[in-house]
């Protein structure tokens, strides 16, 4: 089975859930220190928004250095 791309789907009028990898490095003040993954997701986000679906974007939050994240 061939792997599908977002461009292979008819998104108009649909509800779309997209999981993005925004697990980016943060400094001690919780500021993003490398936004490469966010910038890499922008073409997909812009493409989906231009096709007219109702989008919901979700991401996971990693456990930094084996410790829970602060609230």
PDB file of N, CA and C in Angstrom:
ATOM      1  N   UNK A   1       0.846  -1.172   0.000  1.00  0.00           N
ATOM      2  CA  UNK A   1       0.000   0.000   0.000  1.00  0.00           C
ATOM      3  C   UNK A   1       0.895   1.239   0.000  1.00  0.00           C
ATOM      4  N   UNK A   2       0.616   2.153  -0.909  1.00  0.00           N
ATOM      5  CA  UNK A   2       1.400   3.380  -1.018  1.00  0.00           C
ATOM      6  C   UNK A   2       1.067   4.331   0.136  1.00  0.00           C
ATOM      7  N   UNK A   3       2.062   5.039   0.578  1.00  0.00           N
ATOM      8  CA  UNK A   3       1.880   6.021   1.644  1.00  0.00           C
ATOM      9  C   UNK A   3       1.188   7.257   1.066  1.00  0.00           C
ATOM     10  N   UNK A   4       0.139   7.722   1.727  1.00  0.00           N
ATOM     11  CA  UNK A   4      -0.601   8.883   1.264  1.00  0.00           C
ATOM     12  C   UNK A   4       0.035  10.166   1.785  1.00  0.00           C
ATOM     13  N   UNK A   5      -0.130  11.199   1.002  1.00  0.00           N
ATOM     14  CA  UNK A   5       0.279  12.544   1.378  1.00  0.00           C
ATOM     15  C   UNK A   5      -0.993  13.343   1.646  1.00  0.00           C
ATOM     16  N   UNK A   6      -0.860  14.437   2.352  1.00  0.00           N
ATOM     17  CA  UNK A   6      -2.025  15.291   2.590  1.00  0.00           C
ATOM     18  C   UNK A   6      -2.597  15.793   1.262  1.00  0.00           C
ATOM     19  N   UNK A   7      -1.750  15.913   0.250  1.00  0.00           N
ATOM     20  CA  UNK A   7      -2.202  16.370  -1.070  1.00  0.00           C
ATOM     21  C   UNK A   7      -3.072  15.321  -1.769  1.00  0.00           C
ATOM     22  N   UNK A   8      -3.038  14.076  -1.317  1.00  0.00           N
ATOM     23  CA  UNK A   8      -3.842  12.999  -1.907  1.00  0.00           C
ATOM     24  C   UNK A   8      -5.268  12.966  -1.357  1.00  0.00           C
ATOM     25  N   UNK A   9      -5.563  13.791  -0.382  1.00  0.00           N
ATOM     26  CA  UNK A   9      -6.853  13.735   0.300  1.00  0.00           C
ATOM     27  C   UNK A   9      -7.754  14.900  -0.088  1.00  0.00           C
ATOM     28  N   UNK A  10      -9.054  14.639  -0.147  1.00  0.00           N
ATOM     29  CA  UNK A  10     -10.040  15.684  -0.381  1.00  0.00           C
ATOM     30  C   UNK A  10     -10.446  16.234   0.981  1.00  0.00           C
ATOM     31  N   UNK A  11      -9.938  17.414   1.315  1.00  0.00           N
ATOM     32  CA  UNK A  11     -10.142  17.971   2.648  1.00  0.00           C
ATOM     33  C   UNK A  11     -11.331  18.922   2.745  1.00  0.00           C
ATOM     34  N   UNK A  12     -11.849  19.363   1.625  1.00  0.00           N
ATOM     35  CA  UNK A  12     -12.902  20.380   1.627  1.00  0.00           C
ATOM     36  C   UNK A  12     -14.109  19.926   2.437  1.00  0.00           C
ATOM     37  N   UNK A  13     -14.501  20.766   3.391  1.00  0.00           N
ATOM     38  CA  UNK A  13     -15.691  20.499   4.192  1.00  0.00           C
ATOM     39  C   UNK A  13     -15.536  19.404   5.233  1.00  0.00           C
ATOM     40  N   UNK A  14     -14.344  18.907   5.438  1.00  0.00           N
ATOM     41  CA  UNK A  14     -14.107  17.821   6.394  1.00  0.00           C
ATOM     42  C   UNK A  14     -13.539  18.364   7.700  1.00  0.00           C
ATOM     43  N   UNK A  15     -13.561  17.526   8.706  1.00  0.00           N
ATOM     44  CA  UNK A  15     -12.857  17.797   9.961  1.00  0.00           C
ATOM     45  C   UNK A  15     -11.558  17.005   9.909  1.00  0.00           C
ATOM     46  N   UNK A  16     -10.459  17.669  10.182  1.00  0.00           N
ATOM     47  CA  UNK A  16      -9.153  17.035  10.033  1.00  0.00           C
ATOM     48  C   UNK A  16      -8.374  17.168  11.339  1.00  0.00           C
ATOM     49  N   UNK A  17      -7.890  16.054  11.839  1.00  0.00           N
ATOM     50  CA  UNK A  17      -7.014  16.049  13.000  1.00  0.00           C
ATOM     51  C   UNK A  17      -5.609  15.775  12.503  1.00  0.00           C
ATOM     52  N   UNK A  18      -4.687  16.688  12.787  1.00  0.00           N
ATOM     53  CA  UNK A  18      -3.314  16.559  12.329  1.00  0.00           C
ATOM     54  C   UNK A  18      -2.393  16.563  13.537  1.00  0.00           C
ATOM     55  N   UNK A  19      -1.587  15.517  13.653  1.00  0.00           N
ATOM     56  CA  UNK A  19      -0.591  15.462  14.723  1.00  0.00           C
ATOM     57  C   UNK A  19       0.706  16.024  14.186  1.00  0.00           C
ATOM     58  N   UNK A  20       1.252  17.004  14.884  1.00  0.00           N
ATOM     59  CA  UNK A  20       2.494  17.641  14.472  1.00  0.00           C
ATOM     60  C   UNK A  20       3.569  17.398  15.525  1.00  0.00           C
ATOM     61  N   UNK A  21       4.809  17.387  15.090  1.00  0.00           N
ATOM     62  CA  UNK A  21       5.932  17.155  15.997  1.00  0.00           C
ATOM     63  C   UNK A  21       6.531  18.500  16.390  1.00  0.00           C
ATOM     64  N   UNK A  22       5.971  19.098  17.416  1.00  0.00           N
ATOM     65  CA  UNK A  22       6.479  20.365  17.925  1.00  0.00           C
ATOM     66  C   UNK A  22       7.277  20.147  19.211  1.00  0.00           C
ATOM     67  N   UNK A  23       7.870  19.005  19.340  1.00  0.00           N
ATOM     68  CA  UNK A  23       8.685  18.688  20.498  1.00  0.00           C
ATOM     69  C   UNK A  23      10.034  19.384  20.309  1.00  0.00           C
ATOM     70  N   UNK A  24      10.079  20.671  20.647  1.00  0.00           N
ATOM     71  CA  UNK A  24      11.250  21.500  20.388  1.00  0.00           C
ATOM     72  C   UNK A  24      12.029  21.762  21.672  1.00  0.00           C
ATOM     73  N   UNK A  25      13.330  22.021  21.540  1.00  0.00           N
ATOM     74  CA  UNK A  25      14.125  22.302  22.736  1.00  0.00           C
ATOM     75  C   UNK A  25      13.771  23.662  23.339  1.00  0.00           C
ATOM     76  N   UNK A  26      13.714  23.680  24.648  1.00  0.00           N
ATOM     77  CA  UNK A  26      13.423  24.904  25.388  1.00  0.00           C
ATOM     78  C   UNK A  26      14.567  25.222  26.331  1.00  0.00           C
ATOM     79  N   UNK A  27      14.764  26.510  26.615  1.00  0.00           N
ATOM     80  CA  UNK A  27      15.754  26.879  27.617  1.00  0.00           C
ATOM     81  C   UNK A  27      15.094  26.906  28.994  1.00  0.00           C
ATOM     82  N   UNK A  28      15.829  27.344  29.989  1.00  0.00           N
ATOM     83  CA  UNK A  28      15.311  27.328  31.365  1.00  0.00           C
ATOM     84  C   UNK A  28      14.129  28.269  31.568  1.00  0.00           C
ATOM     85  N   UNK A  29      13.953  29.257  30.675  1.00  0.00           N
ATOM     86  CA  UNK A  29      12.798  30.165  30.752  1.00  0.00           C
ATOM     87  C   UNK A  29      11.658  29.686  29.862  1.00  0.00           C
ATOM     88  N   UNK A  30      11.744  28.428  29.383  1.00  0.00           N
ATOM     89  CA  UNK A  30      10.744  27.790  28.535  1.00  0.00           C
ATOM     90  C   UNK A  30      10.549  28.512  27.199  1.00  0.00           C
ATOM     91  N   UNK A  31      11.632  29.109  26.692  1.00  0.00           N
ATOM     92  CA  UNK A  31      11.623  29.735  25.377  1.00  0.00           C
ATOM     93  C   UNK A  31      12.166  28.731  24.360  1.00  0.00           C
ATOM     94  N   UNK A  32      11.586  28.703  23.174  1.00  0.00           N
ATOM     95  CA  UNK A  32      12.038  27.801  22.120  1.00  0.00           C
ATOM     96  C   UNK A  32      13.433  28.219  21.667  1.00  0.00           C
ATOM     97  N   UNK A  33      14.367  27.266  21.657  1.00  0.00           N
ATOM     98  CA  UNK A  33      15.737  27.568  21.240  1.00  0.00           C
ATOM     99  C   UNK A  33      16.033  27.103  19.822  1.00  0.00           C
ATOM    100  N   UNK A  34      15.201  26.245  19.256  1.00  0.00           N
ATOM    101  CA  UNK A  34      15.359  25.789  17.875  1.00  0.00           C
ATOM    102  C   UNK A  34      13.965  25.533  17.303  1.00  0.00           C
ATOM    103  N   UNK A  35      13.546  26.371  16.362  1.00  0.00           N
ATOM    104  CA  UNK A  35      12.190  26.268  15.814  1.00  0.00           C
ATOM    105  C   UNK A  35      12.131  25.491  14.501  1.00  0.00           C
ATOM    106  N   UNK A  36      13.133  24.674  14.208  1.00  0.00           N
ATOM    107  CA  UNK A  36      13.200  23.935  12.950  1.00  0.00           C
ATOM    108  C   UNK A  36      11.957  23.085  12.713  1.00  0.00           C
ATOM    109  N   UNK A  37      11.504  22.353  13.697  1.00  0.00           N
ATOM    110  CA  UNK A  37      10.335  21.480  13.531  1.00  0.00           C
ATOM    111  C   UNK A  37       9.062  22.275  13.293  1.00  0.00           C
ATOM    112  N   UNK A  38       8.941  23.411  13.936  1.00  0.00           N
ATOM    113  CA  UNK A  38       7.768  24.262  13.730  1.00  0.00           C
ATOM    114  C   UNK A  38       7.770  24.794  12.302  1.00  0.00           C
ATOM    115  N   UNK A  39       8.915  25.306  11.852  1.00  0.00           N
ATOM    116  CA  UNK A  39       9.012  25.824  10.486  1.00  0.00           C
ATOM    117  C   UNK A  39       8.787  24.725   9.457  1.00  0.00           C
ATOM    118  N   UNK A  40       9.223  23.501   9.741  1.00  0.00           N
ATOM    119  CA  UNK A  40       9.043  22.382   8.813  1.00  0.00           C
ATOM    120  C   UNK A  40       7.570  22.002   8.665  1.00  0.00           C
ATOM    121  N   UNK A  41       6.764  22.246   9.685  1.00  0.00           N
ATOM    122  CA  UNK A  41       5.334  21.905   9.635  1.00  0.00           C
ATOM    123  C   UNK A  41       4.501  22.965   8.937  1.00  0.00           C
ATOM    124  N   UNK A  42       5.037  24.157   8.758  1.00  0.00           N
ATOM    125  CA  UNK A  42       4.252  25.253   8.184  1.00  0.00           C
ATOM    126  C   UNK A  42       3.693  24.959   6.794  1.00  0.00           C
ATOM    127  N   UNK A  43       4.421  24.340   5.864  1.00  0.00           N
ATOM    128  CA  UNK A  43       3.809  24.044   4.563  1.00  0.00           C
ATOM    129  C   UNK A  43       2.569  23.154   4.671  1.00  0.00           C
ATOM    130  N   UNK A  44       2.596  22.167   5.547  1.00  0.00           N
ATOM    131  CA  UNK A  44       1.438  21.296   5.739  1.00  0.00           C
ATOM    132  C   UNK A  44       0.276  22.076   6.348  1.00  0.00           C
ATOM    133  N   UNK A  45       0.565  22.890   7.338  1.00  0.00           N
ATOM    134  CA  UNK A  45      -0.472  23.693   7.990  1.00  0.00           C
ATOM    135  C   UNK A  45      -1.115  24.637   6.981  1.00  0.00           C
ATOM    136  N   UNK A  46      -0.288  25.333   6.201  1.00  0.00           N
ATOM    137  CA  UNK A  46      -0.813  26.280   5.213  1.00  0.00           C
ATOM    138  C   UNK A  46      -1.591  25.563   4.114  1.00  0.00           C
ATOM    139  N   UNK A  47      -1.109  24.410   3.684  1.00  0.00           N
ATOM    140  CA  UNK A  47      -1.807  23.644   2.652  1.00  0.00           C
ATOM    141  C   UNK A  47      -3.197  23.241   3.144  1.00  0.00           C
ATOM    142  N   UNK A  48      -3.246  22.688   4.348  1.00  0.00           N
ATOM    143  CA  UNK A  48      -4.527  22.236   4.901  1.00  0.00           C
ATOM    144  C   UNK A  48      -5.490  23.411   5.063  1.00  0.00           C
ATOM    145  N   UNK A  49      -5.009  24.518   5.586  1.00  0.00           N
ATOM    146  CA  UNK A  49      -5.878  25.680   5.781  1.00  0.00           C
ATOM    147  C   UNK A  49      -6.428  26.190   4.452  1.00  0.00           C
ATOM    148  N   UNK A  50      -5.665  26.081   3.392  1.00  0.00           N
ATOM    149  CA  UNK A  50      -6.094  26.552   2.092  1.00  0.00           C
ATOM    150  C   UNK A  50      -7.115  25.659   1.413  1.00  0.00           C
ATOM    151  N   UNK A  51      -7.297  24.432   1.912  1.00  0.00           N
ATOM    152  CA  UNK A  51      -8.233  23.488   1.301  1.00  0.00           C
ATOM    153  C   UNK A  51      -9.607  23.493   1.955  1.00  0.00           C
ATOM    154  N   UNK A  52      -9.792  24.272   3.014  1.00  0.00           N
ATOM    155  CA  UNK A  52     -11.109  24.477   3.583  1.00  0.00           C
ATOM    156  C   UNK A  52     -11.622  23.505   4.629  1.00  0.00           C
ATOM    157  N   UNK A  53     -10.797  22.651   5.241  1.00  0.00           N
ATOM    158  CA  UNK A  53     -11.355  21.816   6.296  1.00  0.00           C
ATOM    159  C   UNK A  53     -11.382  22.562   7.619  1.00  0.00           C
ATOM    160  N   UNK A  54     -12.072  21.978   8.586  1.00  0.00           N
ATOM    161  CA  UNK A  54     -11.973  22.453   9.967  1.00  0.00           C
ATOM    162  C   UNK A  54     -10.842  21.664  10.588  1.00  0.00           C
ATOM    163  N   UNK A  55      -9.759  22.348  10.935  1.00  0.00           N
ATOM    164  CA  UNK A  55      -8.550  21.661  11.399  1.00  0.00           C
ATOM    165  C   UNK A  55      -8.394  21.730  12.912  1.00  0.00           C
ATOM    166  N   UNK A  56      -7.905  20.656  13.461  1.00  0.00           N
ATOM    167  CA  UNK A  56      -7.497  20.586  14.851  1.00  0.00           C
ATOM    168  C   UNK A  56      -6.070  20.056  14.847  1.00  0.00           C
ATOM    169  N   UNK A  57      -5.174  20.782  15.447  1.00  0.00           N
ATOM    170  CA  UNK A  57      -3.764  20.405  15.474  1.00  0.00           C
ATOM    171  C   UNK A  57      -3.444  19.902  16.871  1.00  0.00           C
ATOM    172  N   UNK A  58      -2.769  18.774  16.951  1.00  0.00           N
ATOM    173  CA  UNK A  58      -2.387  18.249  18.263  1.00  0.00           C
ATOM    174  C   UNK A  58      -0.911  17.899  18.253  1.00  0.00           C
ATOM    175  N   UNK A  59      -0.347  17.885  19.414  1.00  0.00           N
ATOM    176  CA  UNK A  59       1.059  17.547  19.579  1.00  0.00           C
ATOM    177  C   UNK A  59       1.243  16.844  20.908  1.00  0.00           C
ATOM    178  N   UNK A  60       2.368  16.225  21.064  1.00  0.00           N
ATOM    179  CA  UNK A  60       2.699  15.617  22.345  1.00  0.00           C
ATOM    180  C   UNK A  60       3.740  16.480  23.027  1.00  0.00           C
ATOM    181  N   UNK A  61       3.892  16.290  24.314  1.00  0.00           N
ATOM    182  CA  UNK A  61       4.894  17.011  25.080  1.00  0.00           C
ATOM    183  C   UNK A  61       5.780  15.964  25.740  1.00  0.00           C
ATOM    184  N   UNK A  62       7.023  15.958  25.369  1.00  0.00           N
ATOM    185  CA  UNK A  62       7.952  14.955  25.892  1.00  0.00           C
ATOM    186  C   UNK A  62       8.258  15.230  27.374  1.00  0.00           C
ATOM    187  N   UNK A  63       8.747  14.225  28.018  1.00  0.00           N
ATOM    188  CA  UNK A  63       9.187  14.368  29.401  1.00  0.00           C
ATOM    189  C   UNK A  63      10.677  14.729  29.364  1.00  0.00           C
ATOM    190  N   UNK A  64      11.016  15.985  29.670  1.00  0.00           N
ATOM    191  CA  UNK A  64      12.415  16.416  29.562  1.00  0.00           C
ATOM    192  C   UNK A  64      13.307  15.778  30.607  1.00  0.00           C
ATOM    193  N   UNK A  65      14.337  15.118  30.134  1.00  0.00           N
ATOM    194  CA  UNK A  65      15.343  14.511  31.012  1.00  0.00           C
ATOM    195  C   UNK A  65      14.698  13.579  32.045  1.00  0.00           C
ATOM    196  N   UNK A  66      13.602  12.916  31.656  1.00  0.00           N
ATOM    197  CA  UNK A  66      12.958  11.955  32.531  1.00  0.00           C
ATOM    198  C   UNK A  66      12.131  12.544  33.657  1.00  0.00           C
ATOM    199  N   UNK A  67      11.941  13.859  33.652  1.00  0.00           N
ATOM    200  CA  UNK A  67      11.158  14.519  34.704  1.00  0.00           C
ATOM    201  C   UNK A  67       9.856  15.074  34.129  1.00  0.00           C
ATOM    202  N   UNK A  68       8.798  15.140  34.907  1.00  0.00           N
ATOM    203  CA  UNK A  68       7.556  15.743  34.417  1.00  0.00           C
ATOM    204  C   UNK A  68       7.773  17.221  34.090  1.00  0.00           C
ATOM    205  N   UNK A  69       7.033  17.720  33.116  1.00  0.00           N
ATOM    206  CA  UNK A  69       7.083  19.131  32.745  1.00  0.00           C
ATOM    207  C   UNK A  69       6.372  19.952  33.807  1.00  0.00           C
ATOM    208  N   UNK A  70       6.838  21.178  34.033  1.00  0.00           N
ATOM    209  CA  UNK A  70       6.106  22.032  34.967  1.00  0.00           C
ATOM    210  C   UNK A  70       4.767  22.417  34.354  1.00  0.00           C
ATOM    211  N   UNK A  71       3.743  22.661  35.182  1.00  0.00           N
ATOM    212  CA  UNK A  71       2.412  23.029  34.660  1.00  0.00           C
ATOM    213  C   UNK A  71       2.421  24.382  33.977  1.00  0.00           C
TER     214      UNK A  71
END
